[in-house]
N, C-alpha and C. Protein backbone atom coordinates (compact mmCIF):
# COMPACT_ATOMS: atom_id res chain seq x y z
N UNK A 1 0.85 -1.18 0.00
CA UNK A 1 0.00 0.00 0.00
C UNK A 1 0.89 1.24 0.00
N UNK A 2 0.72 2.10 -0.95
CA UNK A 2 1.51 3.32 -1.05
C UNK A 2 0.79 4.46 -0.35
N UNK A 3 1.56 5.30 0.27
CA UNK A 3 1.02 6.46 0.95
C UNK A 3 1.44 7.70 0.18
N UNK A 4 0.49 8.55 -0.15
CA UNK A 4 0.82 9.76 -0.90
C UNK A 4 1.24 10.87 0.06
N UNK A 5 1.66 11.98 -0.52
CA UNK A 5 2.06 13.12 0.30
C UNK A 5 0.88 13.64 1.10
N UNK A 6 1.20 14.31 2.19
CA UNK A 6 0.19 14.82 3.11
C UNK A 6 0.09 16.34 2.92
N UNK A 7 -1.11 16.84 2.72
CA UNK A 7 -1.33 18.28 2.59
C UNK A 7 -1.40 18.93 3.97
N UNK A 8 -0.64 20.00 4.16
CA UNK A 8 -0.61 20.70 5.44
C UNK A 8 -0.76 22.21 5.24
N UNK A 9 -1.29 22.88 6.24
CA UNK A 9 -1.29 24.34 6.24
C UNK A 9 -0.04 24.78 6.98
N UNK A 10 0.65 25.77 6.44
CA UNK A 10 1.93 26.22 7.00
C UNK A 10 1.69 27.37 7.98
N UNK A 11 2.30 27.24 9.16
CA UNK A 11 2.28 28.28 10.19
C UNK A 11 3.71 28.68 10.47
N UNK A 12 3.92 29.89 10.94
CA UNK A 12 5.25 30.33 11.32
C UNK A 12 5.22 30.87 12.75
N UNK A 13 6.30 30.63 13.48
CA UNK A 13 6.36 31.06 14.87
C UNK A 13 6.50 32.57 14.93
N UNK A 14 5.72 33.20 15.79
CA UNK A 14 5.84 34.64 15.99
C UNK A 14 6.62 34.92 17.26
N UNK A 15 6.05 34.56 18.41
CA UNK A 15 6.72 34.76 19.70
C UNK A 15 6.34 33.60 20.62
N UNK A 16 7.33 32.99 21.23
CA UNK A 16 7.06 31.95 22.21
C UNK A 16 6.18 30.84 21.67
N UNK A 17 5.04 30.64 22.29
CA UNK A 17 4.14 29.56 21.90
C UNK A 17 3.13 29.98 20.83
N UNK A 18 3.22 31.20 20.34
CA UNK A 18 2.26 31.74 19.37
C UNK A 18 2.75 31.52 17.94
N UNK A 19 1.88 30.99 17.08
CA UNK A 19 2.16 30.77 15.66
C UNK A 19 1.07 31.44 14.85
N UNK A 20 1.42 31.96 13.68
CA UNK A 20 0.42 32.58 12.81
C UNK A 20 0.43 31.89 11.45
N UNK A 21 -0.66 32.06 10.74
CA UNK A 21 -0.76 31.48 9.41
C UNK A 21 0.27 32.14 8.50
N UNK A 22 0.88 31.33 7.67
CA UNK A 22 1.83 31.83 6.69
C UNK A 22 1.07 32.09 5.40
N UNK A 23 1.35 33.22 4.74
CA UNK A 23 0.63 33.59 3.53
C UNK A 23 1.54 33.56 2.32
N UNK A 24 1.03 32.99 1.21
CA UNK A 24 1.78 33.00 -0.04
C UNK A 24 1.75 34.39 -0.65
N UNK A 25 0.63 35.03 -0.61
CA UNK A 25 0.46 36.37 -1.16
C UNK A 25 -0.17 37.23 -0.07
N UNK A 26 0.65 38.06 0.56
CA UNK A 26 0.16 38.85 1.69
C UNK A 26 -0.90 39.87 1.26
N UNK A 27 -0.84 40.36 0.02
CA UNK A 27 -1.83 41.33 -0.44
C UNK A 27 -3.20 40.69 -0.58
N UNK A 28 -3.24 39.43 -1.03
CA UNK A 28 -4.51 38.74 -1.22
C UNK A 28 -4.87 37.84 -0.04
N UNK A 29 -4.00 37.76 0.95
CA UNK A 29 -4.18 36.90 2.12
C UNK A 29 -4.44 35.44 1.71
N UNK A 30 -3.65 34.97 0.76
CA UNK A 30 -3.73 33.58 0.32
C UNK A 30 -2.92 32.73 1.27
N UNK A 31 -3.59 31.84 1.98
CA UNK A 31 -2.91 30.99 2.97
C UNK A 31 -1.95 30.04 2.28
N UNK A 32 -0.88 29.71 2.97
CA UNK A 32 0.16 28.86 2.42
C UNK A 32 -0.08 27.40 2.83
N UNK A 33 -0.13 26.53 1.83
CA UNK A 33 -0.25 25.09 2.04
C UNK A 33 0.92 24.42 1.35
N UNK A 34 1.26 23.24 1.79
CA UNK A 34 2.36 22.51 1.18
C UNK A 34 2.08 21.01 1.29
N UNK A 35 2.81 20.24 0.53
CA UNK A 35 2.72 18.79 0.61
C UNK A 35 4.03 18.26 1.17
N UNK A 36 3.94 17.36 2.13
CA UNK A 36 5.13 16.76 2.72
C UNK A 36 5.03 15.25 2.59
N UNK A 37 6.19 14.58 2.48
CA UNK A 37 6.16 13.12 2.42
C UNK A 37 5.79 12.55 3.78
N UNK A 38 5.23 11.36 3.82
CA UNK A 38 4.84 10.76 5.11
C UNK A 38 6.01 10.66 6.09
N UNK A 39 7.22 10.48 5.59
CA UNK A 39 8.37 10.35 6.49
C UNK A 39 8.67 11.66 7.23
N UNK A 40 8.20 12.79 6.72
CA UNK A 40 8.42 14.08 7.38
C UNK A 40 7.38 14.35 8.45
N UNK A 41 6.35 13.54 8.51
CA UNK A 41 5.26 13.73 9.46
C UNK A 41 5.49 12.78 10.64
N UNK A 42 6.52 13.06 11.42
CA UNK A 42 6.93 12.16 12.48
C UNK A 42 6.50 12.59 13.87
N UNK A 43 6.16 13.85 14.04
CA UNK A 43 5.87 14.37 15.37
C UNK A 43 4.45 14.92 15.42
N UNK A 44 3.77 14.64 16.48
CA UNK A 44 2.47 15.25 16.69
C UNK A 44 2.51 16.00 18.02
N UNK A 45 1.60 16.91 18.18
CA UNK A 45 1.57 17.71 19.40
C UNK A 45 1.09 16.87 20.58
N UNK A 46 1.60 17.20 21.75
CA UNK A 46 1.20 16.53 22.99
C UNK A 46 -0.21 16.97 23.38
N UNK A 47 -0.47 18.27 23.21
CA UNK A 47 -1.78 18.85 23.55
C UNK A 47 -2.34 19.54 22.31
N UNK A 48 -3.65 19.53 22.14
CA UNK A 48 -4.24 20.23 20.99
C UNK A 48 -3.93 21.74 21.06
N UNK A 49 -3.61 22.35 19.93
CA UNK A 49 -3.35 23.80 19.95
C UNK A 49 -4.65 24.57 20.11
N UNK A 50 -4.54 25.76 20.65
CA UNK A 50 -5.69 26.66 20.77
C UNK A 50 -5.72 27.53 19.53
N UNK A 51 -6.83 27.53 18.80
CA UNK A 51 -6.95 28.34 17.59
C UNK A 51 -7.80 29.56 17.88
N UNK A 52 -7.24 30.73 17.60
CA UNK A 52 -7.97 31.98 17.74
C UNK A 52 -8.03 32.63 16.36
N UNK A 53 -9.24 32.77 15.77
CA UNK A 53 -9.34 33.37 14.44
C UNK A 53 -8.65 34.73 14.38
N UNK A 54 -7.83 34.88 13.37
CA UNK A 54 -7.09 36.13 13.19
C UNK A 54 -5.77 36.18 13.94
N UNK A 55 -5.62 35.35 14.94
CA UNK A 55 -4.37 35.34 15.71
C UNK A 55 -3.54 34.09 15.47
N UNK A 56 -4.13 33.02 14.96
CA UNK A 56 -3.39 31.81 14.67
C UNK A 56 -3.52 30.76 15.76
N UNK A 57 -2.43 30.06 16.00
CA UNK A 57 -2.41 28.95 16.95
C UNK A 57 -1.53 29.28 18.15
N UNK A 58 -1.89 28.70 19.28
CA UNK A 58 -1.05 28.79 20.46
C UNK A 58 -0.85 27.36 20.95
N UNK A 59 0.43 26.96 21.10
CA UNK A 59 0.73 25.60 21.54
C UNK A 59 1.15 25.61 23.01
N UNK A 60 1.13 24.44 23.62
CA UNK A 60 1.48 24.33 25.04
C UNK A 60 2.99 24.52 25.23
N UNK A 61 3.39 24.77 26.46
CA UNK A 61 4.81 24.92 26.78
C UNK A 61 5.58 23.62 26.48
N UNK A 62 4.94 22.47 26.73
CA UNK A 62 5.59 21.18 26.43
C UNK A 62 5.82 21.02 24.93
N UNK A 63 4.83 21.41 24.12
CA UNK A 63 4.98 21.33 22.67
C UNK A 63 6.03 22.31 22.17
N UNK A 64 6.14 23.47 22.81
CA UNK A 64 7.16 24.43 22.44
C UNK A 64 8.55 23.84 22.66
N UNK A 65 8.76 23.10 23.74
CA UNK A 65 10.05 22.46 23.99
C UNK A 65 10.38 21.46 22.88
N UNK A 66 9.39 20.68 22.44
CA UNK A 66 9.61 19.74 21.34
C UNK A 66 9.95 20.51 20.07
N UNK A 67 9.20 21.57 19.78
CA UNK A 67 9.45 22.39 18.58
C UNK A 67 10.86 22.98 18.60
N UNK A 68 11.27 23.53 19.74
CA UNK A 68 12.60 24.13 19.84
C UNK A 68 13.69 23.07 19.66
N UNK A 69 13.48 21.88 20.22
CA UNK A 69 14.45 20.81 20.05
C UNK A 69 14.59 20.39 18.59
N UNK A 70 13.46 20.26 17.89
CA UNK A 70 13.49 19.88 16.48
C UNK A 70 14.05 21.00 15.61
N UNK A 71 13.84 22.25 16.01
CA UNK A 71 14.37 23.38 15.23
C UNK A 71 15.89 23.43 15.25
N UNK A 72 16.50 22.89 16.27
CA UNK A 72 17.96 22.91 16.40
C UNK A 72 18.64 21.79 15.63
N UNK A 73 17.89 20.76 15.25
CA UNK A 73 18.48 19.58 14.61
C UNK A 73 19.25 19.91 13.34
N UNK A 74 18.70 20.67 12.37
CA UNK A 74 19.47 20.95 11.16
C UNK A 74 20.82 21.63 11.45
N UNK A 75 20.85 22.56 12.39
CA UNK A 75 22.11 23.23 12.74
C UNK A 75 23.09 22.23 13.35
N UNK A 76 22.60 21.32 14.16
CA UNK A 76 23.48 20.31 14.77
C UNK A 76 24.07 19.39 13.71
N UNK A 77 23.29 19.03 12.71
CA UNK A 77 23.78 18.16 11.65
C UNK A 77 24.86 18.86 10.83
N UNK A 78 24.64 20.12 10.48
CA UNK A 78 25.64 20.88 9.73
C UNK A 78 26.93 21.00 10.55
N UNK A 79 26.81 21.27 11.83
CA UNK A 79 27.97 21.39 12.70
C UNK A 79 28.73 20.06 12.78
N UNK A 80 28.02 18.95 12.85
CA UNK A 80 28.67 17.63 12.90
C UNK A 80 29.40 17.31 11.60
N UNK A 81 28.80 17.67 10.47
CA UNK A 81 29.45 17.44 9.17
C UNK A 81 30.72 18.27 9.06
N UNK A 82 30.67 19.52 9.48
CA UNK A 82 31.87 20.37 9.45
C UNK A 82 32.96 19.81 10.35
N UNK A 83 32.60 19.36 11.53
CA UNK A 83 33.58 18.78 12.45
C UNK A 83 34.19 17.51 11.85
N UNK A 84 33.35 16.68 11.23
CA UNK A 84 33.85 15.45 10.61
C UNK A 84 34.82 15.76 9.47
N UNK A 85 34.46 16.74 8.63
CA UNK A 85 35.31 17.10 7.50
C UNK A 85 36.63 17.73 7.93
N UNK A 86 36.65 18.33 9.10
CA UNK A 86 37.88 18.99 9.57
C UNK A 86 38.85 18.01 10.22
N UNK A 87 38.41 16.78 10.47
CA UNK A 87 39.30 15.77 11.06
C UNK A 87 40.45 15.50 10.11
N UNK A 88 41.64 15.30 10.66
CA UNK A 88 42.83 15.13 9.83
C UNK A 88 42.76 13.86 8.98
N UNK A 89 42.21 12.76 9.50
CA UNK A 89 42.15 11.53 8.72
C UNK A 89 41.17 11.67 7.56
N UNK A 90 40.13 12.50 7.69
CA UNK A 90 39.22 12.75 6.57
C UNK A 90 39.93 13.59 5.52
N UNK A 91 40.64 14.61 5.95
CA UNK A 91 41.34 15.51 5.03
C UNK A 91 42.41 14.76 4.24
N UNK A 92 43.04 13.75 4.84
CA UNK A 92 44.10 13.01 4.17
C UNK A 92 43.57 11.85 3.34
N UNK A 93 42.31 11.50 3.49
CA UNK A 93 41.70 10.39 2.76
C UNK A 93 41.47 10.82 1.31
N UNK A 94 41.88 9.98 0.36
CA UNK A 94 41.75 10.32 -1.04
C UNK A 94 40.31 10.15 -1.54
N UNK A 95 39.66 9.04 -1.17
CA UNK A 95 38.31 8.74 -1.63
C UNK A 95 37.30 9.16 -0.56
N UNK A 96 36.60 10.29 -0.80
CA UNK A 96 35.63 10.79 0.17
C UNK A 96 34.25 10.21 -0.07
N UNK A 97 34.07 9.39 -1.07
CA UNK A 97 32.77 8.80 -1.34
C UNK A 97 31.74 9.86 -1.67
N UNK A 98 30.60 9.77 -1.06
CA UNK A 98 29.50 10.72 -1.33
C UNK A 98 29.57 11.97 -0.48
N UNK A 99 30.52 12.07 0.43
CA UNK A 99 30.59 13.26 1.30
C UNK A 99 31.24 14.33 0.56
């Protein structure tokens, strides 16, 4: 059984636990939607978000901690790759493969 991409509405963090709708065209207030692969849909919220029309979503403090932890992951991966590439045995290796 194949699973297709999942349609999502995109929100962006404003301050703390507050998120607002992201717009593709701010003049026309066209909301931003995107498709993500099922493998990217790995985390769900611990508590349901509070939706306030015109203000967006507010998530719990626990969910904010999860969000902040996941937001740091790409930077950690880049830092690890740079550290790995700076190792002397990597620099002296002739065949770097796919790296």
